[in-house]
Amino acid sequence: MILSPRERRVAWFLTQLVLLGAFAIGALAVRDIVQDRPDGGDPPSAATTMVPPAGTGT
């Protein structure tokens, strides 16, 4: 299939738009994950998790 220069330009613009949207979604997801951590960077320690100690749960 042969595309005209105008069609190629539109296809390239749409490709860039999709890539930009994917990058933005990824950046927002990473930001949300980092903000959910107690100190903004490190994973939560064992003391802050909701898992009961061994032998005390049902």
PDB file of N, CA and C in Angstrom:
ATOM      1  N   MET A   1       0.847  -1.175   0.000  1.00  0.00           N
ATOM      2  CA  MET A   1       0.000   0.000   0.000  1.00  0.00           C
ATOM      3  C   MET A   1       0.897   1.244   0.000  1.00  0.00           C
ATOM      4  N   ILE A   2       0.660   2.115  -0.925  1.00  0.00           N
ATOM      5  CA  ILE A   2       1.454   3.330  -1.061  1.00  0.00           C
ATOM      6  C   ILE A   2       0.680   4.487  -0.434  1.00  0.00           C
ATOM      7  N   LEU A   3       1.344   5.184   0.488  1.00  0.00           N
ATOM      8  CA  LEU A   3       0.722   6.323   1.150  1.00  0.00           C
ATOM      9  C   LEU A   3       1.237   7.619   0.545  1.00  0.00           C
ATOM     10  N   SER A   4       0.351   8.573   0.444  1.00  0.00           N
ATOM     11  CA  SER A   4       0.764   9.890  -0.027  1.00  0.00           C
ATOM     12  C   SER A   4       1.565  10.582   1.082  1.00  0.00           C
ATOM     13  N   PRO A   5       2.304  11.622   0.751  1.00  0.00           N
ATOM     14  CA  PRO A   5       3.054  12.344   1.787  1.00  0.00           C
ATOM     15  C   PRO A   5       2.153  12.869   2.908  1.00  0.00           C
ATOM     16  N   ARG A   6       0.965  13.297   2.541  1.00  0.00           N
ATOM     17  CA  ARG A   6       0.039  13.803   3.564  1.00  0.00           C
ATOM     18  C   ARG A   6      -0.405  12.677   4.493  1.00  0.00           C
ATOM     19  N   GLU A   7      -0.710  11.514   3.924  1.00  0.00           N
ATOM     20  CA  GLU A   7      -1.128  10.375   4.742  1.00  0.00           C
ATOM     21  C   GLU A   7       0.007   9.903   5.652  1.00  0.00           C
ATOM     22  N   ARG A   8       1.239   9.926   5.129  1.00  0.00           N
ATOM     23  CA  ARG A   8       2.387   9.554   5.962  1.00  0.00           C
ATOM     24  C   ARG A   8       2.558  10.522   7.122  1.00  0.00           C
ATOM     25  N   ARG A   9       2.371  11.808   6.854  1.00  0.00           N
ATOM     26  CA  ARG A   9       2.492  12.828   7.895  1.00  0.00           C
ATOM     27  C   ARG A   9       1.428  12.624   8.967  1.00  0.00           C
ATOM     28  N   VAL A  10       0.197  12.349   8.548  1.00  0.00           N
ATOM     29  CA  VAL A  10      -0.888  12.110   9.506  1.00  0.00           C
ATOM     30  C   VAL A  10      -0.611  10.841  10.307  1.00  0.00           C
ATOM     31  N   ALA A  11      -0.144   9.787   9.642  1.00  0.00           N
ATOM     32  CA  ALA A  11       0.166   8.536  10.341  1.00  0.00           C
ATOM     33  C   ALA A  11       1.276   8.752  11.369  1.00  0.00           C
ATOM     34  N   TRP A  12       2.298   9.522  11.006  1.00  0.00           N
ATOM     35  CA  TRP A  12       3.390   9.793  11.941  1.00  0.00           C
ATOM     36  C   TRP A  12       2.900  10.618  13.121  1.00  0.00           C
ATOM     37  N   PHE A  13       2.033  11.593  12.871  1.00  0.00           N
ATOM     38  CA  PHE A  13       1.469  12.403  13.949  1.00  0.00           C
ATOM     39  C   PHE A  13       0.663  11.530  14.907  1.00  0.00           C
ATOM     40  N   LEU A  14      -0.168  10.648  14.365  1.00  0.00           N
ATOM     41  CA  LEU A  14      -0.968   9.764  15.217  1.00  0.00           C
ATOM     42  C   LEU A  14      -0.076   8.809  16.011  1.00  0.00           C
ATOM     43  N   THR A  15       0.997   8.333  15.398  1.00  0.00           N
ATOM     44  CA  THR A  15       1.938   7.465  16.106  1.00  0.00           C
ATOM     45  C   THR A  15       2.569   8.203  17.280  1.00  0.00           C
ATOM     46  N   GLN A  16       2.992   9.434  17.047  1.00  0.00           N
ATOM     47  CA  GLN A  16       3.583  10.227  18.124  1.00  0.00           C
ATOM     48  C   GLN A  16       2.570  10.487  19.230  1.00  0.00           C
ATOM     49  N   LEU A  17       1.325  10.735  18.854  1.00  0.00           N
ATOM     50  CA  LEU A  17       0.278  10.982  19.838  1.00  0.00           C
ATOM     51  C   LEU A  17       0.056   9.755  20.717  1.00  0.00           C
ATOM     52  N   VAL A  18       0.007   8.585  20.105  1.00  0.00           N
ATOM     53  CA  VAL A  18      -0.179   7.341  20.865  1.00  0.00           C
ATOM     54  C   VAL A  18       1.013   7.100  21.790  1.00  0.00           C
ATOM     55  N   LEU A  19       2.233   7.299  21.290  1.00  0.00           N
ATOM     56  CA  LEU A  19       3.416   7.100  22.124  1.00  0.00           C
ATOM     57  C   LEU A  19       3.461   8.090  23.284  1.00  0.00           C
ATOM     58  N   LEU A  20       3.093   9.318  23.036  1.00  0.00           N
ATOM     59  CA  LEU A  20       3.060  10.318  24.094  1.00  0.00           C
ATOM     60  C   LEU A  20       2.030   9.945  25.154  1.00  0.00           C
ATOM     61  N   GLY A  21       0.861   9.491  24.719  1.00  0.00           N
ATOM     62  CA  GLY A  21      -0.168   9.059  25.666  1.00  0.00           C
ATOM     63  C   GLY A  21       0.288   7.879  26.501  1.00  0.00           C
ATOM     64  N   ALA A  22       0.948   6.914  25.879  1.00  0.00           N
ATOM     65  CA  ALA A  22       1.445   5.749  26.617  1.00  0.00           C
ATOM     66  C   ALA A  22       2.503   6.171  27.638  1.00  0.00           C
ATOM     67  N   PHE A  23       3.378   7.086  27.250  1.00  0.00           N
ATOM     68  CA  PHE A  23       4.399   7.571  28.177  1.00  0.00           C
ATOM     69  C   PHE A  23       3.754   8.299  29.355  1.00  0.00           C
ATOM     70  N   ALA A  24       2.746   9.118  29.083  1.00  0.00           N
ATOM     71  CA  ALA A  24       2.073   9.861  30.152  1.00  0.00           C
ATOM     72  C   ALA A  24       1.377   8.911  31.121  1.00  0.00           C
ATOM     73  N   ILE A  25       0.710   7.896  30.600  1.00  0.00           N
ATOM     74  CA  ILE A  25       0.038   6.919  31.464  1.00  0.00           C
ATOM     75  C   ILE A  25       1.066   6.191  32.325  1.00  0.00           C
ATOM     76  N   GLY A  26       2.175   5.798  31.734  1.00  0.00           N
ATOM     77  CA  GLY A  26       3.229   5.131  32.498  1.00  0.00           C
ATOM     78  C   GLY A  26       3.811   6.027  33.577  1.00  0.00           C
ATOM     79  N   ALA A  27       4.035   7.290  33.258  1.00  0.00           N
ATOM     80  CA  ALA A  27       4.585   8.226  34.240  1.00  0.00           C
ATOM     81  C   ALA A  27       3.617   8.434  35.397  1.00  0.00           C
ATOM     82  N   LEU A  28       2.331   8.535  35.104  1.00  0.00           N
ATOM     83  CA  LEU A  28       1.338   8.693  36.168  1.00  0.00           C
ATOM     84  C   LEU A  28       1.271   7.449  37.044  1.00  0.00           C
ATOM     85  N   ALA A  29       1.377   6.278  36.443  1.00  0.00           N
ATOM     86  CA  ALA A  29       1.342   5.036  37.216  1.00  0.00           C
ATOM     87  C   ALA A  29       2.543   4.953  38.153  1.00  0.00           C
ATOM     88  N   VAL A  30       3.721   5.296  37.652  1.00  0.00           N
ATOM     89  CA  VAL A  30       4.921   5.270  38.496  1.00  0.00           C
ATOM     90  C   VAL A  30       4.786   6.283  39.620  1.00  0.00           C
ATOM     91  N   ARG A  31       4.278   7.460  39.321  1.00  0.00           N
ATOM     92  CA  ARG A  31       4.108   8.483  40.355  1.00  0.00           C
ATOM     93  C   ARG A  31       3.166   8.010  41.451  1.00  0.00           C
ATOM     94  N   ASP A  32       2.056   7.369  41.066  1.00  0.00           N
ATOM     95  CA  ASP A  32       1.106   6.863  42.054  1.00  0.00           C
ATOM     96  C   ASP A  32       1.729   5.772  42.918  1.00  0.00           C
ATOM     97  N   ILE A  33       2.506   4.894  42.308  1.00  0.00           N
ATOM     98  CA  ILE A  33       3.154   3.824  43.075  1.00  0.00           C
ATOM     99  C   ILE A  33       4.134   4.414  44.081  1.00  0.00           C
ATOM    100  N   VAL A  34       4.916   5.391  43.657  1.00  0.00           N
ATOM    101  CA  VAL A  34       5.900   5.998  44.555  1.00  0.00           C
ATOM    102  C   VAL A  34       5.203   6.767  45.669  1.00  0.00           C
ATOM    103  N   GLN A  35       4.111   7.457  45.373  1.00  0.00           N
ATOM    104  CA  GLN A  35       3.401   8.219  46.396  1.00  0.00           C
ATOM    105  C   GLN A  35       2.722   7.321  47.415  1.00  0.00           C
ATOM    106  N   ASP A  36       2.371   6.091  47.042  1.00  0.00           N
ATOM    107  CA  ASP A  36       1.715   5.178  47.971  1.00  0.00           C
ATOM    108  C   ASP A  36       2.677   4.623  49.010  1.00  0.00           C
ATOM    109  N   ARG A  37       3.964   4.754  48.784  1.00  0.00           N
ATOM    110  CA  ARG A  37       4.936   4.253  49.752  1.00  0.00           C
ATOM    111  C   ARG A  37       5.021   5.223  50.924  1.00  0.00           C
ATOM    112  N   PRO A  38       5.222   4.709  52.144  1.00  0.00           N
ATOM    113  CA  PRO A  38       5.179   5.563  53.339  1.00  0.00           C
ATOM    114  C   PRO A  38       6.175   6.718  53.324  1.00  0.00           C
ATOM    115  N   ASP A  39       7.402   6.481  52.874  1.00  0.00           N
ATOM    116  CA  ASP A  39       8.394   7.554  52.878  1.00  0.00           C
ATOM    117  C   ASP A  39       8.646   8.107  51.482  1.00  0.00           C
ATOM    118  N   GLY A  40       7.818   7.724  50.535  1.00  0.00           N
ATOM    119  CA  GLY A  40       7.932   8.241  49.188  1.00  0.00           C
ATOM    120  C   GLY A  40       8.956   7.542  48.325  1.00  0.00           C
ATOM    121  N   GLY A  41       9.575   6.474  48.814  1.00  0.00           N
ATOM    122  CA  GLY A  41      10.570   5.821  47.986  1.00  0.00           C
ATOM    123  C   GLY A  41      10.817   4.368  48.317  1.00  0.00           C
ATOM    124  N   ASP A  42      10.940   4.048  49.598  1.00  0.00           N
ATOM    125  CA  ASP A  42      11.248   2.674  49.986  1.00  0.00           C
ATOM    126  C   ASP A  42       9.974   1.860  50.142  1.00  0.00           C
ATOM    127  N   PRO A  43      10.048   0.557  49.891  1.00  0.00           N
ATOM    128  CA  PRO A  43       8.868  -0.278  50.109  1.00  0.00           C
ATOM    129  C   PRO A  43       8.518  -0.322  51.590  1.00  0.00           C
ATOM    130  N   PRO A  44       7.262  -0.576  51.925  1.00  0.00           N
ATOM    131  CA  PRO A  44       6.870  -0.593  53.337  1.00  0.00           C
ATOM    132  C   PRO A  44       7.607  -1.698  54.096  1.00  0.00           C
ATOM    133  N   SER A  45       7.907  -1.420  55.360  1.00  0.00           N
ATOM    134  CA  SER A  45       8.589  -2.420  56.180  1.00  0.00           C
ATOM    135  C   SER A  45       7.582  -3.454  56.666  1.00  0.00           C
ATOM    136  N   ALA A  46       8.071  -4.527  57.274  1.00  0.00           N
ATOM    137  CA  ALA A  46       7.195  -5.589  57.770  1.00  0.00           C
ATOM    138  C   ALA A  46       6.277  -5.068  58.870  1.00  0.00           C
ATOM    139  N   ALA A  47       6.706  -4.046  59.612  1.00  0.00           N
ATOM    140  CA  ALA A  47       5.892  -3.517  60.704  1.00  0.00           C
ATOM    141  C   ALA A  47       4.666  -2.765  60.190  1.00  0.00           C
ATOM    142  N   THR A  48       4.685  -2.297  58.961  1.00  0.00           N
ATOM    143  CA  THR A  48       3.561  -1.512  58.450  1.00  0.00           C
ATOM    144  C   THR A  48       2.624  -2.316  57.562  1.00  0.00           C
ATOM    145  N   THR A  49       2.908  -3.596  57.356  1.00  0.00           N
ATOM    146  CA  THR A  49       2.027  -4.401  56.513  1.00  0.00           C
ATOM    147  C   THR A  49       0.837  -4.887  57.316  1.00  0.00           C
ATOM    148  N   MET A  50      -0.195  -5.342  56.630  1.00  0.00           N
ATOM    149  CA  MET A  50      -1.428  -5.763  57.292  1.00  0.00           C
ATOM    150  C   MET A  50      -1.475  -7.275  57.543  1.00  0.00           C
ATOM    151  N   VAL A  51      -0.366  -7.966  57.397  1.00  0.00           N
ATOM    152  CA  VAL A  51      -0.339  -9.413  57.607  1.00  0.00           C
ATOM    153  C   VAL A  51      -0.172  -9.686  59.097  1.00  0.00           C
ATOM    154  N   PRO A  52      -1.060 -10.505  59.711  1.00  0.00           N
ATOM    155  CA  PRO A  52      -0.917 -10.795  61.147  1.00  0.00           C
ATOM    156  C   PRO A  52       0.303 -11.675  61.404  1.00  0.00           C
ATOM    157  N   PRO A  53       0.869 -11.599  62.599  1.00  0.00           N
ATOM    158  CA  PRO A  53       2.013 -12.456  62.928  1.00  0.00           C
ATOM    159  C   PRO A  53       1.637 -13.934  62.843  1.00  0.00           C
ATOM    160  N   ALA A  54       2.615 -14.783  62.613  1.00  0.00           N
ATOM    161  CA  ALA A  54       2.368 -16.217  62.483  1.00  0.00           C
ATOM    162  C   ALA A  54       1.822 -16.784  63.787  1.00  0.00           C
ATOM    163  N   GLY A  55       0.806 -17.627  63.676  1.00  0.00           N
ATOM    164  CA  GLY A  55       0.235 -18.287  64.843  1.00  0.00           C
ATOM    165  C   GLY A  55      -0.882 -17.518  65.513  1.00  0.00           C
ATOM    166  N   THR A  56      -1.145 -16.260  65.116  1.00  0.00           N
ATOM    167  CA  THR A  56      -2.206 -15.481  65.756  1.00  0.00           C
ATOM    168  C   THR A  56      -3.456 -15.389  64.898  1.00  0.00           C
ATOM    169  N   GLY A  57      -3.335 -15.676  63.622  1.00  0.00           N
ATOM    170  CA  GLY A  57      -4.494 -15.593  62.731  1.00  0.00           C
ATOM    171  C   GLY A  57      -5.227 -16.914  62.640  1.00  0.00           C
ATOM    172  N   THR A  58      -6.348 -16.891  61.923  1.00  0.00           N
ATOM    173  CA  THR A  58      -7.097 -18.138  61.746  1.00  0.00           C
ATOM    174  C   THR A  58      -6.782 -18.748  60.413  1.00  0.00           C
TER     175      THR A  58
END
